[in-house]
PDB file of N, CA and C in Angstrom:
ATOM      1  N   MET A   1      37.117  99.223  57.590  1.00  0.00           N
ATOM      2  CA  MET A   1      36.447  99.768  57.191  1.00  0.00           C
ATOM      3  C   MET A   1      36.580  99.873  55.464  1.00  0.00           C
ATOM      4  N   SER A   2      35.661 101.177  55.398  1.00  0.00           N
ATOM      5  CA  SER A   2      36.057 100.984  53.623  1.00  0.00           C
ATOM      6  C   SER A   2      36.001 102.242  53.257  1.00  0.00           C
ATOM      7  N   GLU A   3      37.125 102.680  52.484  1.00  0.00           N
ATOM      8  CA  GLU A   3      37.658 103.725  52.339  1.00  0.00           C
ATOM      9  C   GLU A   3      37.021 104.566  51.285  1.00  0.00           C
ATOM     10  N   ARG A   4      36.063 105.777  51.452  1.00  0.00           N
ATOM     11  CA  ARG A   4      35.449 106.217  49.845  1.00  0.00           C
ATOM     12  C   ARG A   4      35.955 107.377  50.101  1.00  0.00           C
ATOM     13  N   LYS A   5      36.192 107.752  48.495  1.00  0.00           N
ATOM     14  CA  LYS A   5      36.702 109.061  48.374  1.00  0.00           C
ATOM     15  C   LYS A   5      35.930 109.638  48.089  1.00  0.00           C
ATOM     16  N   ARG A   6      36.410 111.383  48.222  1.00  0.00           N
ATOM     17  CA  ARG A   6      34.819 112.489  48.331  1.00  0.00           C
ATOM     18  C   ARG A   6      35.418 113.169  46.760  1.00  0.00           C
ATOM     19  N   LYS A   7      34.075 112.710  46.510  1.00  0.00           N
ATOM     20  CA  LYS A   7      34.358 113.466  45.394  1.00  0.00           C
ATOM     21  C   LYS A   7      34.233 115.111  44.510  1.00  0.00           C
ATOM     22  N   THR A   8      34.853 115.464  43.749  1.00  0.00           N
ATOM     23  CA  THR A   8      34.968 116.518  43.622  1.00  0.00           C
ATOM     24  C   THR A   8      34.958 116.936  42.319  1.00  0.00           C
ATOM     25  N   PHE A   9      33.729 117.826  42.770  1.00  0.00           N
ATOM     26  CA  PHE A   9      33.170 118.507  41.054  1.00  0.00           C
ATOM     27  C   PHE A   9      33.455 119.722  40.691  1.00  0.00           C
ATOM     28  N   SER A  10      33.693 120.227  38.917  1.00  0.00           N
ATOM     29  CA  SER A  10      34.412 121.316  38.546  1.00  0.00           C
ATOM     30  C   SER A  10      33.613 122.067  38.691  1.00  0.00           C
ATOM     31  N   ALA A  11      33.784 123.112  38.380  1.00  0.00           N
ATOM     32  CA  ALA A  11      33.234 125.237  38.705  1.00  0.00           C
ATOM     33  C   ALA A  11      32.159 124.546  37.861  1.00  0.00           C
ATOM     34  N   ASP A  12      32.317 124.437  36.309  1.00  0.00           N
ATOM     35  CA  ASP A  12      31.697 124.340  35.144  1.00  0.00           C
ATOM     36  C   ASP A  12      30.556 123.478  35.682  1.00  0.00           C
ATOM     37  N   PHE A  13      30.866 122.084  36.602  1.00  0.00           N
ATOM     38  CA  PHE A  13      29.389 121.602  36.370  1.00  0.00           C
ATOM     39  C   PHE A  13      28.988 121.927  37.450  1.00  0.00           C
ATOM     40  N   LYS A  14      29.445 122.317  38.933  1.00  0.00           N
ATOM     41  CA  LYS A  14      28.358 123.013  39.780  1.00  0.00           C
ATOM     42  C   LYS A  14      27.473 123.943  39.369  1.00  0.00           C
ATOM     43  N   ALA A  15      28.248 125.033  38.614  1.00  0.00           N
ATOM     44  CA  ALA A  15      27.106 126.041  37.940  1.00  0.00           C
ATOM     45  C   ALA A  15      25.907 125.584  36.697  1.00  0.00           C
ATOM     46  N   LYS A  16      26.705 123.942  36.250  1.00  0.00           N
ATOM     47  CA  LYS A  16      25.102 123.925  35.740  1.00  0.00           C
ATOM     48  C   LYS A  16      24.133 123.204  36.328  1.00  0.00           C
ATOM     49  N   VAL A  17      24.680 122.632  37.450  1.00  0.00           N
ATOM     50  CA  VAL A  17      23.201 121.998  38.146  1.00  0.00           C
ATOM     51  C   VAL A  17      22.474 123.089  39.018  1.00  0.00           C
ATOM     52  N   ALA A  18      23.729 123.801  39.291  1.00  0.00           N
ATOM     53  CA  ALA A  18      22.759 125.133  40.471  1.00  0.00           C
ATOM     54  C   ALA A  18      22.255 126.148  39.242  1.00  0.00           C
ATOM     55  N   LEU A  19      22.499 126.217  37.622  1.00  0.00           N
ATOM     56  CA  LEU A  19      21.400 127.462  36.973  1.00  0.00           C
ATOM     57  C   LEU A  19      20.076 126.420  36.778  1.00  0.00           C
ATOM     58  N   GLU A  20      20.314 124.902  36.962  1.00  0.00           N
ATOM     59  CA  GLU A  20      19.349 124.217  36.286  1.00  0.00           C
ATOM     60  C   GLU A  20      18.011 124.175  37.622  1.00  0.00           C
ATOM     61  N   ALA A  21      18.596 124.125  38.527  1.00  0.00           N
ATOM     62  CA  ALA A  21      17.560 124.578  40.093  1.00  0.00           C
ATOM     63  C   ALA A  21      17.041 125.473  40.517  1.00  0.00           C
ATOM     64  N   ILE A  22      17.875 126.778  39.805  1.00  0.00           N
ATOM     65  CA  ILE A  22      17.415 128.217  40.257  1.00  0.00           C
ATOM     66  C   ILE A  22      16.184 127.769  38.929  1.00  0.00           C
ATOM     67  N   HIS A  23      16.381 127.440  37.348  1.00  0.00           N
ATOM     68  CA  HIS A  23      15.257 127.523  36.834  1.00  0.00           C
ATOM     69  C   HIS A  23      13.916 126.847  37.295  1.00  0.00           C
ATOM     70  N   GLY A  24      14.111 126.042  37.867  1.00  0.00           N
ATOM     71  CA  GLY A  24      12.732 125.223  38.883  1.00  0.00           C
ATOM     72  C   GLY A  24      11.668 124.527  37.964  1.00  0.00           C
ATOM     73  N   VAL A  25      12.086 123.849  36.994  1.00  0.00           N
ATOM     74  CA  VAL A  25      11.570 123.118  35.858  1.00  0.00           C
ATOM     75  C   VAL A  25      11.559 122.177  36.863  1.00  0.00           C
ATOM     76  N   LYS A  26      12.447 121.538  37.499  1.00  0.00           N
ATOM     77  CA  LYS A  26      12.771 119.651  38.489  1.00  0.00           C
ATOM     78  C   LYS A  26      12.706 119.995  39.808  1.00  0.00           C
ATOM     79  N   THR A  27      12.604 119.795  40.407  1.00  0.00           N
ATOM     80  CA  THR A  27      12.714 119.297  42.065  1.00  0.00           C
ATOM     81  C   THR A  27      13.967 119.457  42.022  1.00  0.00           C
ATOM     82  N   LEU A  28      14.885 119.650  43.566  1.00  0.00           N
ATOM     83  CA  LEU A  28      15.967 119.680  43.931  1.00  0.00           C
ATOM     84  C   LEU A  28      16.422 118.123  44.362  1.00  0.00           C
ATOM     85  N   ASN A  29      15.380 117.475  44.637  1.00  0.00           N
ATOM     86  CA  ASN A  29      15.452 115.988  44.655  1.00  0.00           C
ATOM     87  C   ASN A  29      15.642 115.436  42.878  1.00  0.00           C
ATOM     88  N   GLU A  30      14.903 115.724  42.002  1.00  0.00           N
ATOM     89  CA  GLU A  30      15.427 115.108  40.602  1.00  0.00           C
ATOM     90  C   GLU A  30      16.414 115.710  40.007  1.00  0.00           C
ATOM     91  N   ILE A  31      16.929 116.436  40.391  1.00  0.00           N
ATOM     92  CA  ILE A  31      18.405 117.428  39.945  1.00  0.00           C
ATOM     93  C   ILE A  31      19.057 116.401  40.635  1.00  0.00           C
ATOM     94  N   ALA A  32      19.063 116.413  42.014  1.00  0.00           N
ATOM     95  CA  ALA A  32      20.040 115.501  42.806  1.00  0.00           C
ATOM     96  C   ALA A  32      20.972 113.756  41.966  1.00  0.00           C
ATOM     97  N   GLN A  33      19.402 113.372  42.159  1.00  0.00           N
ATOM     98  CA  GLN A  33      19.674 111.976  41.202  1.00  0.00           C
ATOM     99  C   GLN A  33      20.081 112.171  39.795  1.00  0.00           C
ATOM    100  N   GLU A  34      19.325 113.043  39.492  1.00  0.00           N
ATOM    101  CA  GLU A  34      19.948 112.799  37.888  1.00  0.00           C
ATOM    102  C   GLU A  34      21.666 112.789  38.200  1.00  0.00           C
ATOM    103  N   TYR A  35      22.222 114.138  38.454  1.00  0.00           N
ATOM    104  CA  TYR A  35      23.573 113.865  38.574  1.00  0.00           C
ATOM    105  C   TYR A  35      24.810 113.363  39.388  1.00  0.00           C
ATOM    106  N   ASP A  36      23.725 112.901  40.528  1.00  0.00           N
ATOM    107  CA  ASP A  36      24.315 112.226  41.519  1.00  0.00           C
ATOM    108  C   ASP A  36      25.221 112.557  42.162  1.00  0.00           C
ATOM    109  N   VAL A  37      24.404 113.795  42.880  1.00  0.00           N
ATOM    110  CA  VAL A  37      24.779 114.492  43.960  1.00  0.00           C
ATOM    111  C   VAL A  37      23.414 114.666  45.161  1.00  0.00           C
ATOM    112  N   HIS A  38      24.084 114.638  46.807  1.00  0.00           N
ATOM    113  CA  HIS A  38      22.962 115.084  47.473  1.00  0.00           C
ATOM    114  C   HIS A  38      22.352 116.166  46.997  1.00  0.00           C
ATOM    115  N   PRO A  39      21.081 116.092  47.225  1.00  0.00           N
ATOM    116  CA  PRO A  39      20.191 117.790  46.964  1.00  0.00           C
ATOM    117  C   PRO A  39      20.213 118.915  48.224  1.00  0.00           C
ATOM    118  N   VAL A  40      20.903 118.343  49.578  1.00  0.00           N
ATOM    119  CA  VAL A  40      21.783 119.370  49.479  1.00  0.00           C
ATOM    120  C   VAL A  40      23.005 120.345  49.808  1.00  0.00           C
ATOM    121  N   GLN A  41      23.706 119.328  48.418  1.00  0.00           N
ATOM    122  CA  GLN A  41      24.973 119.913  47.917  1.00  0.00           C
ATOM    123  C   GLN A  41      23.948 120.907  46.871  1.00  0.00           C
ATOM    124  N   VAL A  42      22.666 120.704  46.444  1.00  0.00           N
ATOM    125  CA  VAL A  42      22.480 120.991  45.081  1.00  0.00           C
ATOM    126  C   VAL A  42      21.737 122.213  45.636  1.00  0.00           C
ATOM    127  N   SER A  43      21.214 122.130  46.622  1.00  0.00           N
ATOM    128  CA  SER A  43      20.823 123.801  47.510  1.00  0.00           C
ATOM    129  C   SER A  43      21.632 124.726  47.720  1.00  0.00           C
ATOM    130  N   ASN A  44      22.783 124.002  48.624  1.00  0.00           N
ATOM    131  CA  ASN A  44      23.807 124.569  48.527  1.00  0.00           C
ATOM    132  C   ASN A  44      24.573 125.340  47.348  1.00  0.00           C
ATOM    133  N   TRP A  45      24.568 124.960  45.857  1.00  0.00           N
ATOM    134  CA  TRP A  45      25.633 125.667  45.172  1.00  0.00           C
ATOM    135  C   TRP A  45      24.418 126.455  44.544  1.00  0.00           C
ATOM    136  N   LYS A  46      22.752 126.220  44.816  1.00  0.00           N
ATOM    137  CA  LYS A  46      21.802 127.683  43.824  1.00  0.00           C
ATOM    138  C   LYS A  46      22.184 128.284  44.974  1.00  0.00           C
ATOM    139  N   LYS A  47      21.820 128.133  46.352  1.00  0.00           N
ATOM    140  CA  LYS A  47      22.719 129.467  47.635  1.00  0.00           C
ATOM    141  C   LYS A  47      23.641 130.137  47.194  1.00  0.00           C
ATOM    142  N   GLU A  48      24.720 129.710  46.967  1.00  0.00           N
ATOM    143  CA  GLU A  48      26.442 130.347  46.685  1.00  0.00           C
ATOM    144  C   GLU A  48      25.814 131.336  44.841  1.00  0.00           C
ATOM    145  N   LEU A  49      25.295 130.645  44.386  1.00  0.00           N
ATOM    146  CA  LEU A  49      25.141 130.734  42.629  1.00  0.00           C
ATOM    147  C   LEU A  49      24.014 132.327  42.814  1.00  0.00           C
ATOM    148  N   GLN A  50      23.268 132.428  43.280  1.00  0.00           N
ATOM    149  CA  GLN A  50      22.402 133.354  43.714  1.00  0.00           C
ATOM    150  C   GLN A  50      22.882 134.382  44.611  1.00  0.00           C
ATOM    151  N   GLN A  51      24.078 134.378  45.417  1.00  0.00           N
ATOM    152  CA  GLN A  51      24.509 135.200  46.406  1.00  0.00           C
ATOM    153  C   GLN A  51      25.720 136.057  45.503  1.00  0.00           C
ATOM    154  N   GLN A  52      26.356 135.021  44.699  1.00  0.00           N
ATOM    155  CA  GLN A  52      27.624 135.750  44.147  1.00  0.00           C
ATOM    156  C   GLN A  52      27.218 136.133  42.710  1.00  0.00           C
ATOM    157  N   ALA A  53      25.528 136.338  42.066  1.00  0.00           N
ATOM    158  CA  ALA A  53      25.422 136.049  40.928  1.00  0.00           C
ATOM    159  C   ALA A  53      25.572 138.222  41.215  1.00  0.00           C
ATOM    160  N   SER A  54      26.093 138.922  41.884  1.00  0.00           N
ATOM    161  CA  SER A  54      25.549 140.382  41.254  1.00  0.00           C
ATOM    162  C   SER A  54      27.319 140.824  41.560  1.00  0.00           C
ATOM    163  N   SER A  55      28.341 139.860  42.106  1.00  0.00           N
ATOM    164  CA  SER A  55      29.591 140.313  41.544  1.00  0.00           C
ATOM    165  C   SER A  55      29.999 140.247  40.167  1.00  0.00           C
ATOM    166  N   LEU A  56      29.591 139.840  39.517  1.00  0.00           N
ATOM    167  CA  LEU A  56      29.370 139.067  38.110  1.00  0.00           C
ATOM    168  C   LEU A  56      29.323 140.523  37.455  1.00  0.00           C
ATOM    169  N   PHE A  57      28.792 141.922  37.506  1.00  0.00           N
ATOM    170  CA  PHE A  57      28.659 142.349  36.909  1.00  0.00           C
ATOM    171  C   PHE A  57      29.039 143.739  37.730  1.00  0.00           C
ATOM    172  N   GLU A  58      29.547 143.685  38.964  1.00  0.00           N
ATOM    173  CA  GLU A  58      30.624 145.280  39.232  1.00  0.00           C
ATOM    174  C   GLU A  58      32.018 145.738  38.388  1.00  0.00           C
ATOM    175  N   GLN A  59      32.704 144.511  37.769  1.00  0.00           N
ATOM    176  CA  GLN A  59      33.338 144.719  37.379  1.00  0.00           C
ATOM    177  C   GLN A  59      33.183 145.170  36.332  1.00  0.00           C
ATOM    178  N   LYS A  60      34.059 146.297  35.486  1.00  0.00           N
ATOM    179  CA  LYS A  60      33.693 146.778  34.197  1.00  0.00           C
ATOM    180  C   LYS A  60      34.766 145.971  32.746  1.00  0.00           C
ATOM    181  N   ARG A  61      33.629 145.746  32.345  1.00  0.00           N
ATOM    182  CA  ARG A  61      34.111 145.260  31.195  1.00  0.00           C
ATOM    183  C   ARG A  61      35.276 146.174  30.268  1.00  0.00           C
ATOM    184  N   GLY A  62      35.761 145.015  29.411  1.00  0.00           N
ATOM    185  CA  GLY A  62      37.149 146.026  28.646  1.00  0.00           C
ATOM    186  C   GLY A  62      38.198 146.040  29.042  1.00  0.00           C
ATOM    187  N   PRO A  63      39.763 146.252  28.086  1.00  0.00           N
ATOM    188  CA  PRO A  63      41.233 146.170  28.558  1.00  0.00           C
ATOM    189  C   PRO A  63      41.188 146.717  30.068  1.00  0.00           C
ATOM    190  N   THR A  64      41.857 146.416  31.000  1.00  0.00           N
ATOM    191  CA  THR A  64      42.757 147.114  31.762  1.00  0.00           C
ATOM    192  C   THR A  64      43.768 148.096  31.215  1.00  0.00           C
ATOM    193  N   PRO A  65      43.393 149.290  31.428  1.00  0.00           N
ATOM    194  CA  PRO A  65      44.633 150.266  31.189  1.00  0.00           C
ATOM    195  C   PRO A  65      46.177 149.820  31.393  1.00  0.00           C
ATOM    196  N   VAL A  66      46.593 150.450  30.961  1.00  0.00           N
ATOM    197  CA  VAL A  66      48.003 149.993  31.270  1.00  0.00           C
ATOM    198  C   VAL A  66      48.797 150.950  31.647  1.00  0.00           C
ATOM    199  N   ASP A  67      48.911 150.692  32.875  1.00  0.00           N
ATOM    200  CA  ASP A  67      49.864 152.236  34.136  1.00  0.00           C
ATOM    201  C   ASP A  67      51.964 151.564  33.670  1.00  0.00           C
ATOM    202  N   PRO A  68      51.901 153.024  32.899  1.00  0.00           N
ATOM    203  CA  PRO A  68      53.350 153.030  32.365  1.00  0.00           C
ATOM    204  C   PRO A  68      53.911 152.974  33.448  1.00  0.00           C
ATOM    205  N   VAL A  69      53.938 153.450  34.988  1.00  0.00           N
ATOM    206  CA  VAL A  69      54.984 153.845  35.730  1.00  0.00           C
ATOM    207  C   VAL A  69      55.068 151.503  35.804  1.00  0.00           C
ATOM    208  N   GLN A  70      54.446 151.335  36.130  1.00  0.00           N
ATOM    209  CA  GLN A  70      53.854 149.763  36.646  1.00  0.00           C
ATOM    210  C   GLN A  70      55.439 148.478  35.387  1.00  0.00           C
ATOM    211  N   ASP A  71      55.379 148.769  34.442  1.00  0.00           N
ATOM    212  CA  ASP A  71      55.714 148.293  33.238  1.00  0.00           C
ATOM    213  C   ASP A  71      56.403 149.094  32.207  1.00  0.00           C
ATOM    214  N   PRO A  72      57.465 150.316  32.269  1.00  0.00           N
ATOM    215  CA  PRO A  72      58.302 150.541  31.562  1.00  0.00           C
ATOM    216  C   PRO A  72      58.814 149.667  30.569  1.00  0.00           C
ATOM    217  N   GLU A  73      59.495 148.763  30.942  1.00  0.00           N
ATOM    218  CA  GLU A  73      60.187 147.641  30.408  1.00  0.00           C
ATOM    219  C   GLU A  73      59.230 147.726  28.660  1.00  0.00           C
ATOM    220  N   LYS A  74      57.849 146.823  28.559  1.00  0.00           N
ATOM    221  CA  LYS A  74      56.744 146.878  28.084  1.00  0.00           C
ATOM    222  C   LYS A  74      56.850 147.612  26.811  1.00  0.00           C
ATOM    223  N   LEU A  75      56.797 149.377  27.570  1.00  0.00           N
ATOM    224  CA  LEU A  75      56.491 149.987  26.999  1.00  0.00           C
ATOM    225  C   LEU A  75      57.866 150.601  25.933  1.00  0.00           C
ATOM    226  N   TYR A  76      59.023 150.064  26.569  1.00  0.00           N
ATOM    227  CA  TYR A  76      59.862 151.031  25.611  1.00  0.00           C
ATOM    228  C   TYR A  76      60.059 149.444  24.101  1.00  0.00           C
ATOM    229  N   SER A  77      59.801 148.070  24.831  1.00  0.00           N
ATOM    230  CA  SER A  77      60.287 147.045  24.040  1.00  0.00           C
ATOM    231  C   SER A  77      58.779 147.468  22.628  1.00  0.00           C
ATOM    232  N   GLU A  78      58.422 147.567  22.340  1.00  0.00           N
ATOM    233  CA  GLU A  78      56.412 148.232  22.111  1.00  0.00           C
ATOM    234  C   GLU A  78      56.938 149.842  21.031  1.00  0.00           C
ATOM    235  N   ILE A  79      58.139 150.615  22.016  1.00  0.00           N
ATOM    236  CA  ILE A  79      58.313 151.605  20.961  1.00  0.00           C
ATOM    237  C   ILE A  79      59.287 151.421  20.058  1.00  0.00           C
ATOM    238  N   GLY A  80      60.590 150.184  20.272  1.00  0.00           N
ATOM    239  CA  GLY A  80      61.892 149.728  19.471  1.00  0.00           C
ATOM    240  C   GLY A  80      60.856 148.696  18.600  1.00  0.00           C
ATOM    241  N   ARG A  81      60.137 148.054  18.553  1.00  0.00           N
ATOM    242  CA  ARG A  81      59.002 147.564  18.002  1.00  0.00           C
ATOM    243  C   ARG A  81      58.538 148.289  16.452  1.00  0.00           C
ATOM    244  N   LEU A  82      57.813 149.135  17.316  1.00  0.00           N
ATOM    245  CA  LEU A  82      57.392 150.415  15.868  1.00  0.00           C
ATOM    246  C   LEU A  82      58.392 150.516  15.682  1.00  0.00           C
ATOM    247  N   LYS A  83      59.475 151.291  15.861  1.00  0.00           N
ATOM    248  CA  LYS A  83      60.565 152.134  14.924  1.00  0.00           C
ATOM    249  C   LYS A  83      61.222 151.125  13.928  1.00  0.00           C
ATOM    250  N   VAL A  84      61.611 149.857  14.248  1.00  0.00           N
ATOM    251  CA  VAL A  84      62.088 148.693  13.087  1.00  0.00           C
ATOM    252  C   VAL A  84      60.793 148.409  12.201  1.00  0.00           C
ATOM    253  N   GLU A  85      59.193 148.746  12.083  1.00  0.00           N
ATOM    254  CA  GLU A  85      58.911 149.101  11.779  1.00  0.00           C
ATOM    255  C   GLU A  85      58.150 150.236  10.551  1.00  0.00           C
ATOM    256  N   LEU A  86      58.386 151.372  11.215  1.00  0.00           N
ATOM    257  CA  LEU A  86      58.643 152.233  10.853  1.00  0.00           C
ATOM    258  C   LEU A  86      59.377 152.292   9.783  1.00  0.00           C
ATOM    259  N   GLU A  87      60.556 152.144  10.206  1.00  0.00           N
ATOM    260  CA  GLU A  87      62.173 151.904   9.196  1.00  0.00           C
ATOM    261  C   GLU A  87      62.154 151.124   8.180  1.00  0.00           C
ATOM    262  N   TRP A  88      61.586 150.043   8.088  1.00  0.00           N
ATOM    263  CA  TRP A  88      61.100 149.021   6.923  1.00  0.00           C
ATOM    264  C   TRP A  88      59.973 150.014   5.975  1.00  0.00           C
ATOM    265  N   LEU A  89      58.913 150.295   6.657  1.00  0.00           N
ATOM    266  CA  LEU A  89      57.859 150.276   6.087  1.00  0.00           C
ATOM    267  C   LEU A  89      58.710 152.107   4.593  1.00  0.00           C
ATOM    268  N   LYS A  90      58.988 152.411   5.190  1.00  0.00           N
ATOM    269  CA  LYS A  90      59.845 153.864   4.983  1.00  0.00           C
ATOM    270  C   LYS A  90      60.858 153.698   3.674  1.00  0.00           C
ATOM    271  N   LYS A  91      61.192 152.020   3.508  1.00  0.00           N
ATOM    272  CA  LYS A  91      62.954 151.521   2.679  1.00  0.00           C
ATOM    273  C   LYS A  91      61.671 150.885   2.087  1.00  0.00           C
ATOM    274  N   LYS A  92      60.907 150.178   2.106  1.00  0.00           N
ATOM    275  CA  LYS A  92      60.253 149.701   1.317  1.00  0.00           C
ATOM    276  C   LYS A  92      58.980 150.439   0.040  1.00  0.00           C
ATOM    277  N   SER A  93      58.274 151.814   1.134  1.00  0.00           N
ATOM    278  CA  SER A  93      58.135 152.811  -0.275  1.00  0.00           C
ATOM    279  C   SER A  93      58.676 153.433  -0.427  1.00  0.00           C
ATOM    280  N   GLY A  94      60.206 153.726  -0.464  1.00  0.00           N
ATOM    281  CA  GLY A  94      61.578 154.626  -1.019  1.00  0.00           C
ATOM    282  C   GLY A  94      61.166 156.307  -0.569  1.00  0.00           C
ATOM    283  N   ILE A  95      60.722 156.310   0.588  1.00  0.00           N
ATOM    284  CA  ILE A  95      60.927 157.486   1.361  1.00  0.00           C
ATOM    285  C   ILE A  95      61.678 157.060   1.751  1.00  0.00           C
ATOM    286  N   SER A  96      63.096 158.531   1.984  1.00  0.00           N
ATOM    287  CA  SER A  96      64.820 158.152   2.558  1.00  0.00           C
ATOM    288  C   SER A  96      63.848 159.779   3.053  1.00  0.00           C
ATOM    289  N   ARG A  97      65.018 159.894   4.670  1.00  0.00           N
ATOM    290  CA  ARG A  97      64.842 160.627   5.681  1.00  0.00           C
ATOM    291  C   ARG A  97      65.633 161.674   4.832  1.00  0.00           C
TER     292      ARG A  97
END
């Protein structure tokens, strides 16, 4: 009995194949033959991409707000760093207290 290893595909590869299938320039069979995958697999990746495409736009972009209650140690270290910078700048500029 011959043992065949199952092929694993990266997410980038799946996305590339699915996007090509969505474009519709080539048939699913042509795409499957080009990328050496089964046509049903191409169809499944295409459907999955179409179903999950809306979730890409649900999240708001931009930096996530920092909750001070969640990580006070990070904020204290930032305050300390800024104090050191301020003291250094005062010293270099000749401003004394």
